[in-house]
Amino acid sequence: MTTKLRIEGMSCGNCVAHVKAALESVPGVESASVELDVQQAVIEGTVEPADLIEAVQSEGYSARIAEASAPSSNRAPGPCEDC
């Protein structure tokens, strides 16, 4: 199953790494890719979206199921130390 999440709060490559690691730590996730430019994550595996959202939120970012509309390109500083 493929799940797409809209991630808010990422502003650098280190943010991406934190979100990717959080998603990959969720049981049932087979792979996760995170794109800074579109503020989106694509997750493959058998996992509940709520578990993915909780993992992202535990790292200090916002997440929700991705919608068809284009993401905003406005980026605020993220919660990681490298932003």
PDB file of N, CA and C in Angstrom:
ATOM      1  N   MET A   1       0.842  -1.169   0.000  1.00  0.00           N
ATOM      2  CA  MET A   1       0.000   0.000   0.000  1.00  0.00           C
ATOM      3  C   MET A   1       0.895   1.242   0.000  1.00  0.00           C
ATOM      4  N   THR A   2       0.512   2.237  -0.777  1.00  0.00           N
ATOM      5  CA  THR A   2       1.241   3.500  -0.841  1.00  0.00           C
ATOM      6  C   THR A   2       0.461   4.567  -0.098  1.00  0.00           C
ATOM      7  N   THR A   3       1.149   5.298   0.760  1.00  0.00           N
ATOM      8  CA  THR A   3       0.550   6.410   1.490  1.00  0.00           C
ATOM      9  C   THR A   3       1.366   7.650   1.202  1.00  0.00           C
ATOM     10  N   LYS A   4       0.683   8.742   0.880  1.00  0.00           N
ATOM     11  CA  LYS A   4       1.364  10.024   0.661  1.00  0.00           C
ATOM     12  C   LYS A   4       0.959  10.980   1.774  1.00  0.00           C
ATOM     13  N   LEU A   5       1.966  11.597   2.372  1.00  0.00           N
ATOM     14  CA  LEU A   5       1.736  12.565   3.432  1.00  0.00           C
ATOM     15  C   LEU A   5       2.259  13.927   3.023  1.00  0.00           C
ATOM     16  N   ARG A   6       1.563  14.944   3.414  1.00  0.00           N
ATOM     17  CA  ARG A   6       2.022  16.331   3.287  1.00  0.00           C
ATOM     18  C   ARG A   6       2.735  16.641   4.596  1.00  0.00           C
ATOM     19  N   ILE A   7       3.995  17.038   4.509  1.00  0.00           N
ATOM     20  CA  ILE A   7       4.806  17.344   5.695  1.00  0.00           C
ATOM     21  C   ILE A   7       5.020  18.849   5.738  1.00  0.00           C
ATOM     22  N   GLU A   8       4.816  19.444   6.883  1.00  0.00           N
ATOM     23  CA  GLU A   8       5.041  20.878   7.050  1.00  0.00           C
ATOM     24  C   GLU A   8       6.099  21.112   8.110  1.00  0.00           C
ATOM     25  N   GLY A   9       6.962  22.082   7.841  1.00  0.00           N
ATOM     26  CA  GLY A   9       7.984  22.456   8.799  1.00  0.00           C
ATOM     27  C   GLY A   9       9.394  22.084   8.381  1.00  0.00           C
ATOM     28  N   MET A  10       9.542  21.324   7.284  1.00  0.00           N
ATOM     29  CA  MET A  10      10.881  20.968   6.820  1.00  0.00           C
ATOM     30  C   MET A  10      11.471  22.136   6.041  1.00  0.00           C
ATOM     31  N   SER A  11      12.747  22.431   6.278  1.00  0.00           N
ATOM     32  CA  SER A  11      13.383  23.516   5.542  1.00  0.00           C
ATOM     33  C   SER A  11      14.811  23.207   5.108  1.00  0.00           C
ATOM     34  N   CYS A  12      15.299  22.000   5.383  1.00  0.00           N
ATOM     35  CA  CYS A  12      16.656  21.635   4.961  1.00  0.00           C
ATOM     36  C   CYS A  12      16.781  20.127   4.835  1.00  0.00           C
ATOM     37  N   GLY A  13      17.913  19.700   4.324  1.00  0.00           N
ATOM     38  CA  GLY A  13      18.158  18.274   4.149  1.00  0.00           C
ATOM     39  C   GLY A  13      18.179  17.497   5.451  1.00  0.00           C
ATOM     40  N   ASN A  14      18.594  18.135   6.521  1.00  0.00           N
ATOM     41  CA  ASN A  14      18.604  17.456   7.810  1.00  0.00           C
ATOM     42  C   ASN A  14      17.180  17.185   8.288  1.00  0.00           C
ATOM     43  N   CYS A  15      16.275  18.126   8.021  1.00  0.00           N
ATOM     44  CA  CYS A  15      14.858  17.911   8.336  1.00  0.00           C
ATOM     45  C   CYS A  15      14.354  16.668   7.600  1.00  0.00           C
ATOM     46  N   VAL A  16      14.692  16.571   6.325  1.00  0.00           N
ATOM     47  CA  VAL A  16      14.281  15.428   5.507  1.00  0.00           C
ATOM     48  C   VAL A  16      14.788  14.135   6.132  1.00  0.00           C
ATOM     49  N   ALA A  17      16.038  14.123   6.552  1.00  0.00           N
ATOM     50  CA  ALA A  17      16.626  12.925   7.153  1.00  0.00           C
ATOM     51  C   ALA A  17      15.898  12.528   8.428  1.00  0.00           C
ATOM     52  N   HIS A  18      15.529  13.508   9.256  1.00  0.00           N
ATOM     53  CA  HIS A  18      14.801  13.213  10.499  1.00  0.00           C
ATOM     54  C   HIS A  18      13.424  12.613  10.202  1.00  0.00           C
ATOM     55  N   VAL A  19      12.719  13.196   9.241  1.00  0.00           N
ATOM     56  CA  VAL A  19      11.387  12.696   8.893  1.00  0.00           C
ATOM     57  C   VAL A  19      11.485  11.291   8.295  1.00  0.00           C
ATOM     58  N   LYS A  20      12.440  11.087   7.396  1.00  0.00           N
ATOM     59  CA  LYS A  20      12.624   9.772   6.775  1.00  0.00           C
ATOM     60  C   LYS A  20      12.924   8.708   7.829  1.00  0.00           C
ATOM     61  N   ALA A  21      13.812   9.008   8.742  1.00  0.00           N
ATOM     62  CA  ALA A  21      14.158   8.041   9.798  1.00  0.00           C
ATOM     63  C   ALA A  21      12.945   7.744  10.677  1.00  0.00           C
ATOM     64  N   ALA A  22      12.166   8.779  10.995  1.00  0.00           N
ATOM     65  CA  ALA A  22      10.974   8.573  11.821  1.00  0.00           C
ATOM     66  C   ALA A  22       9.982   7.665  11.111  1.00  0.00           C
ATOM     67  N   LEU A  23       9.771   7.904   9.827  1.00  0.00           N
ATOM     68  CA  LEU A  23       8.832   7.074   9.065  1.00  0.00           C
ATOM     69  C   LEU A  23       9.334   5.634   8.949  1.00  0.00           C
ATOM     70  N   GLU A  24      10.612   5.466   8.689  1.00  0.00           N
ATOM     71  CA  GLU A  24      11.170   4.120   8.534  1.00  0.00           C
ATOM     72  C   GLU A  24      11.180   3.336   9.842  1.00  0.00           C
ATOM     73  N   SER A  25      11.048   4.016  10.970  1.00  0.00           N
ATOM     74  CA  SER A  25      11.030   3.327  12.258  1.00  0.00           C
ATOM     75  C   SER A  25       9.654   2.748  12.596  1.00  0.00           C
ATOM     76  N   VAL A  26       8.628   3.104  11.823  1.00  0.00           N
ATOM     77  CA  VAL A  26       7.272   2.612  12.085  1.00  0.00           C
ATOM     78  C   VAL A  26       7.161   1.168  11.581  1.00  0.00           C
ATOM     79  N   PRO A  27       6.730   0.248  12.442  1.00  0.00           N
ATOM     80  CA  PRO A  27       6.567  -1.146  12.006  1.00  0.00           C
ATOM     81  C   PRO A  27       5.615  -1.243  10.812  1.00  0.00           C
ATOM     82  N   GLY A  28       6.019  -2.022   9.811  1.00  0.00           N
ATOM     83  CA  GLY A  28       5.201  -2.202   8.624  1.00  0.00           C
ATOM     84  C   GLY A  28       5.654  -1.367   7.441  1.00  0.00           C
ATOM     85  N   VAL A  29       6.513  -0.369   7.698  1.00  0.00           N
ATOM     86  CA  VAL A  29       7.022   0.462   6.606  1.00  0.00           C
ATOM     87  C   VAL A  29       8.116  -0.303   5.869  1.00  0.00           C
ATOM     88  N   GLU A  30       7.939  -0.438   4.547  1.00  0.00           N
ATOM     89  CA  GLU A  30       8.939  -1.100   3.710  1.00  0.00           C
ATOM     90  C   GLU A  30       9.932  -0.090   3.152  1.00  0.00           C
ATOM     91  N   SER A  31       9.439   1.112   2.793  1.00  0.00           N
ATOM     92  CA  SER A  31      10.318   2.169   2.315  1.00  0.00           C
ATOM     93  C   SER A  31       9.626   3.508   2.495  1.00  0.00           C
ATOM     94  N   ALA A  32      10.439   4.552   2.575  1.00  0.00           N
ATOM     95  CA  ALA A  32       9.904   5.910   2.694  1.00  0.00           C
ATOM     96  C   ALA A  32      10.821   6.846   1.933  1.00  0.00           C
ATOM     97  N   SER A  33      10.218   7.726   1.147  1.00  0.00           N
ATOM     98  CA  SER A  33      10.982   8.771   0.488  1.00  0.00           C
ATOM     99  C   SER A  33      10.359  10.105   0.885  1.00  0.00           C
ATOM    100  N   VAL A  34      11.222  11.081   1.110  1.00  0.00           N
ATOM    101  CA  VAL A  34      10.775  12.396   1.567  1.00  0.00           C
ATOM    102  C   VAL A  34      11.371  13.441   0.643  1.00  0.00           C
ATOM    103  N   GLU A  35      10.524  14.331   0.139  1.00  0.00           N
ATOM    104  CA  GLU A  35      10.963  15.366  -0.791  1.00  0.00           C
ATOM    105  C   GLU A  35      10.756  16.747  -0.177  1.00  0.00           C
ATOM    106  N   LEU A  36      11.862  17.464  -0.014  1.00  0.00           N
ATOM    107  CA  LEU A  36      11.816  18.803   0.569  1.00  0.00           C
ATOM    108  C   LEU A  36      11.070  19.783  -0.331  1.00  0.00           C
ATOM    109  N   ASP A  37      11.355  19.743  -1.626  1.00  0.00           N
ATOM    110  CA  ASP A  37      10.772  20.714  -2.555  1.00  0.00           C
ATOM    111  C   ASP A  37       9.257  20.709  -2.568  1.00  0.00           C
ATOM    112  N   VAL A  38       8.662  19.542  -2.453  1.00  0.00           N
ATOM    113  CA  VAL A  38       7.199  19.455  -2.487  1.00  0.00           C
ATOM    114  C   VAL A  38       6.598  19.186  -1.106  1.00  0.00           C
ATOM    115  N   GLN A  39       7.476  19.126  -0.079  1.00  0.00           N
ATOM    116  CA  GLN A  39       7.016  18.926   1.294  1.00  0.00           C
ATOM    117  C   GLN A  39       6.111  17.704   1.397  1.00  0.00           C
ATOM    118  N   GLN A  40       6.591  16.578   0.846  1.00  0.00           N
ATOM    119  CA  GLN A  40       5.775  15.372   0.784  1.00  0.00           C
ATOM    120  C   GLN A  40       6.609  14.142   1.094  1.00  0.00           C
ATOM    121  N   ALA A  41       5.942  13.147   1.662  1.00  0.00           N
ATOM    122  CA  ALA A  41       6.562  11.843   1.877  1.00  0.00           C
ATOM    123  C   ALA A  41       5.701  10.786   1.200  1.00  0.00           C
ATOM    124  N   VAL A  42       6.359   9.796   0.610  1.00  0.00           N
ATOM    125  CA  VAL A  42       5.670   8.659   0.009  1.00  0.00           C
ATOM    126  C   VAL A  42       6.166   7.423   0.743  1.00  0.00           C
ATOM    127  N   ILE A  43       5.226   6.697   1.314  1.00  0.00           N
ATOM    128  CA  ILE A  43       5.562   5.553   2.152  1.00  0.00           C
ATOM    129  C   ILE A  43       4.957   4.298   1.547  1.00  0.00           C
ATOM    130  N   GLU A  44       5.750   3.236   1.460  1.00  0.00           N
ATOM    131  CA  GLU A  44       5.282   1.933   0.989  1.00  0.00           C
ATOM    132  C   GLU A  44       5.264   0.988   2.181  1.00  0.00           C
ATOM    133  N   GLY A  45       4.196   0.222   2.292  1.00  0.00           N
ATOM    134  CA  GLY A  45       4.102  -0.769   3.350  1.00  0.00           C
ATOM    135  C   GLY A  45       2.692  -0.897   3.866  1.00  0.00           C
ATOM    136  N   THR A  46       2.531  -1.813   4.791  1.00  0.00           N
ATOM    137  CA  THR A  46       1.238  -2.045   5.414  1.00  0.00           C
ATOM    138  C   THR A  46       1.262  -1.385   6.784  1.00  0.00           C
ATOM    139  N   VAL A  47       0.727  -0.176   6.821  1.00  0.00           N
ATOM    140  CA  VAL A  47       0.783   0.621   8.054  1.00  0.00           C
ATOM    141  C   VAL A  47      -0.377   1.612   8.050  1.00  0.00           C
ATOM    142  N   GLU A  48      -0.856   1.929   9.214  1.00  0.00           N
ATOM    143  CA  GLU A  48      -1.937   2.901   9.352  1.00  0.00           C
ATOM    144  C   GLU A  48      -1.388   4.319   9.187  1.00  0.00           C
ATOM    145  N   PRO A  49      -2.058   5.148   8.399  1.00  0.00           N
ATOM    146  CA  PRO A  49      -1.613   6.535   8.237  1.00  0.00           C
ATOM    147  C   PRO A  49      -1.458   7.273   9.569  1.00  0.00           C
ATOM    148  N   ALA A  50      -2.303   6.982  10.524  1.00  0.00           N
ATOM    149  CA  ALA A  50      -2.218   7.649  11.833  1.00  0.00           C
ATOM    150  C   ALA A  50      -0.880   7.364  12.514  1.00  0.00           C
ATOM    151  N   ASP A  51      -0.347   6.152  12.329  1.00  0.00           N
ATOM    152  CA  ASP A  51       0.952   5.803  12.914  1.00  0.00           C
ATOM    153  C   ASP A  51       2.078   6.590  12.246  1.00  0.00           C
ATOM    154  N   LEU A  52       1.963   6.793  10.929  1.00  0.00           N
ATOM    155  CA  LEU A  52       2.955   7.582  10.202  1.00  0.00           C
ATOM    156  C   LEU A  52       2.919   9.037  10.644  1.00  0.00           C
ATOM    157  N   ILE A  53       1.722   9.579  10.761  1.00  0.00           N
ATOM    158  CA  ILE A  53       1.561  10.974  11.186  1.00  0.00           C
ATOM    159  C   ILE A  53       2.124  11.167  12.588  1.00  0.00           C
ATOM    160  N   GLU A  54       1.854  10.220  13.470  1.00  0.00           N
ATOM    161  CA  GLU A  54       2.369  10.308  14.839  1.00  0.00           C
ATOM    162  C   GLU A  54       3.896  10.294  14.863  1.00  0.00           C
ATOM    163  N   ALA A  55       4.504   9.473  14.014  1.00  0.00           N
ATOM    164  CA  ALA A  55       5.968   9.398  13.960  1.00  0.00           C
ATOM    165  C   ALA A  55       6.560  10.729  13.504  1.00  0.00           C
ATOM    166  N   VAL A  56       5.954  11.340  12.485  1.00  0.00           N
ATOM    167  CA  VAL A  56       6.428  12.635  11.990  1.00  0.00           C
ATOM    168  C   VAL A  56       6.256  13.706  13.062  1.00  0.00           C
ATOM    169  N   GLN A  57       5.119  13.714  13.721  1.00  0.00           N
ATOM    170  CA  GLN A  57       4.857  14.705  14.763  1.00  0.00           C
ATOM    171  C   GLN A  57       5.817  14.547  15.940  1.00  0.00           C
ATOM    172  N   SER A  58       6.259  13.323  16.206  1.00  0.00           N
ATOM    173  CA  SER A  58       7.199  13.101  17.316  1.00  0.00           C
ATOM    174  C   SER A  58       8.541  13.761  17.052  1.00  0.00           C
ATOM    175  N   GLU A  59       8.831  14.061  15.771  1.00  0.00           N
ATOM    176  CA  GLU A  59      10.070  14.752  15.399  1.00  0.00           C
ATOM    177  C   GLU A  59       9.877  16.268  15.334  1.00  0.00           C
ATOM    178  N   GLY A  60       8.658  16.756  15.577  1.00  0.00           N
ATOM    179  CA  GLY A  60       8.417  18.189  15.620  1.00  0.00           C
ATOM    180  C   GLY A  60       7.863  18.792  14.346  1.00  0.00           C
ATOM    181  N   TYR A  61       7.419  17.945  13.415  1.00  0.00           N
ATOM    182  CA  TYR A  61       6.867  18.413  12.148  1.00  0.00           C
ATOM    183  C   TYR A  61       5.373  18.125  12.116  1.00  0.00           C
ATOM    184  N   SER A  62       4.669  18.794  11.217  1.00  0.00           N
ATOM    185  CA  SER A  62       3.250  18.528  11.016  1.00  0.00           C
ATOM    186  C   SER A  62       3.097  17.598   9.827  1.00  0.00           C
ATOM    187  N   ALA A  63       2.085  16.737   9.875  1.00  0.00           N
ATOM    188  CA  ALA A  63       1.834  15.823   8.766  1.00  0.00           C
ATOM    189  C   ALA A  63       0.347  15.567   8.645  1.00  0.00           C
ATOM    190  N   ARG A  64      -0.075  15.351   7.404  1.00  0.00           N
ATOM    191  CA  ARG A  64      -1.460  14.965   7.128  1.00  0.00           C
ATOM    192  C   ARG A  64      -1.477  14.201   5.810  1.00  0.00           C
ATOM    193  N   ILE A  65      -2.563  13.498   5.562  1.00  0.00           N
ATOM    194  CA  ILE A  65      -2.709  12.792   4.294  1.00  0.00           C
ATOM    195  C   ILE A  65      -2.642  13.821   3.173  1.00  0.00           C
ATOM    196  N   ALA A  66      -1.857  13.550   2.140  1.00  0.00           N
ATOM    197  CA  ALA A  66      -1.674  14.482   1.029  1.00  0.00           C
ATOM    198  C   ALA A  66      -2.956  14.602   0.225  1.00  0.00           C
ATOM    199  N   GLU A  67      -3.232  15.817  -0.199  1.00  0.00           N
ATOM    200  CA  GLU A  67      -4.379  16.085  -1.054  1.00  0.00           C
ATOM    201  C   GLU A  67      -3.875  16.354  -2.458  1.00  0.00           C
ATOM    202  N   ALA A  68      -4.781  16.457  -3.404  1.00  0.00           N
ATOM    203  CA  ALA A  68      -4.409  16.638  -4.801  1.00  0.00           C
ATOM    204  C   ALA A  68      -3.847  18.022  -5.085  1.00  0.00           C
ATOM    205  N   SER A  69      -4.133  19.014  -4.240  1.00  0.00           N
ATOM    206  CA  SER A  69      -3.665  20.373  -4.504  1.00  0.00           C
ATOM    207  C   SER A  69      -2.161  20.473  -4.333  1.00  0.00           C
ATOM    208  N   ALA A  70      -1.562  21.407  -5.048  1.00  0.00           N
ATOM    209  CA  ALA A  70      -0.119  21.612  -4.987  1.00  0.00           C
ATOM    210  C   ALA A  70       0.277  22.176  -3.635  1.00  0.00           C
ATOM    211  N   PRO A  71       1.386  21.713  -3.065  1.00  0.00           N
ATOM    212  CA  PRO A  71       1.839  22.228  -1.770  1.00  0.00           C
ATOM    213  C   PRO A  71       2.385  23.641  -1.896  1.00  0.00           C
ATOM    214  N   SER A  72       2.333  24.344  -0.802  1.00  0.00           N
ATOM    215  CA  SER A  72       2.883  25.697  -0.754  1.00  0.00           C
ATOM    216  C   SER A  72       4.401  25.638  -0.776  1.00  0.00           C
ATOM    217  N   SER A  73       5.008  26.621  -1.410  1.00  0.00           N
ATOM    218  CA  SER A  73       6.470  26.672  -1.425  1.00  0.00           C
ATOM    219  C   SER A  73       7.012  27.548  -0.306  1.00  0.00           C
ATOM    220  N   ASN A  74       6.137  28.096   0.520  1.00  0.00           N
ATOM    221  CA  ASN A  74       6.590  28.910   1.642  1.00  0.00           C
ATOM    222  C   ASN A  74       7.105  27.996   2.734  1.00  0.00           C
ATOM    223  N   ARG A  75       8.349  28.195   3.115  1.00  0.00           N
ATOM    224  CA  ARG A  75       8.951  27.348   4.153  1.00  0.00           C
ATOM    225  C   ARG A  75       9.359  28.196   5.324  1.00  0.00           C
ATOM    226  N   ALA A  76       8.925  27.783   6.475  1.00  0.00           N
ATOM    227  CA  ALA A  76       9.371  28.420   7.710  1.00  0.00           C
ATOM    228  C   ALA A  76      10.529  27.602   8.239  1.00  0.00           C
ATOM    229  N   PRO A  77      11.365  28.176   9.074  1.00  0.00           N
ATOM    230  CA  PRO A  77      12.445  27.383   9.670  1.00  0.00           C
ATOM    231  C   PRO A  77      11.886  26.163  10.361  1.00  0.00           C
ATOM    232  N   GLY A  78      12.520  25.029  10.154  1.00  0.00           N
ATOM    233  CA  GLY A  78      12.070  23.797  10.763  1.00  0.00           C
ATOM    234  C   GLY A  78      12.651  23.620  12.166  1.00  0.00           C
ATOM    235  N   PRO A  79      12.259  22.538  12.821  1.00  0.00           N
ATOM    236  CA  PRO A  79      12.690  22.312  14.199  1.00  0.00           C
ATOM    237  C   PRO A  79      14.075  21.708  14.355  1.00  0.00           C
ATOM    238  N   CYS A  80      14.737  21.364  13.250  1.00  0.00           N
ATOM    239  CA  CYS A  80      16.068  20.752  13.410  1.00  0.00           C
ATOM    240  C   CYS A  80      17.123  21.839  13.649  1.00  0.00           C
ATOM    241  N   GLU A  81      18.245  21.428  14.189  1.00  0.00           N
ATOM    242  CA  GLU A  81      19.299  22.389  14.564  1.00  0.00           C
ATOM    243  C   GLU A  81      20.031  22.971  13.369  1.00  0.00           C
ATOM    244  N   ASP A  82      19.881  22.388  12.181  1.00  0.00           N
ATOM    245  CA  ASP A  82      20.629  22.849  11.012  1.00  0.00           C
ATOM    246  C   ASP A  82      19.868  23.833  10.142  1.00  0.00           C
ATOM    247  N   CYS A  83      18.643  24.154  10.516  1.00  0.00           N
ATOM    248  CA  CYS A  83      17.835  25.082   9.689  1.00  0.00           C
ATOM    249  C   CYS A  83      18.313  26.500   9.862  1.00  0.00           C
TER     250      CYS A  83
END
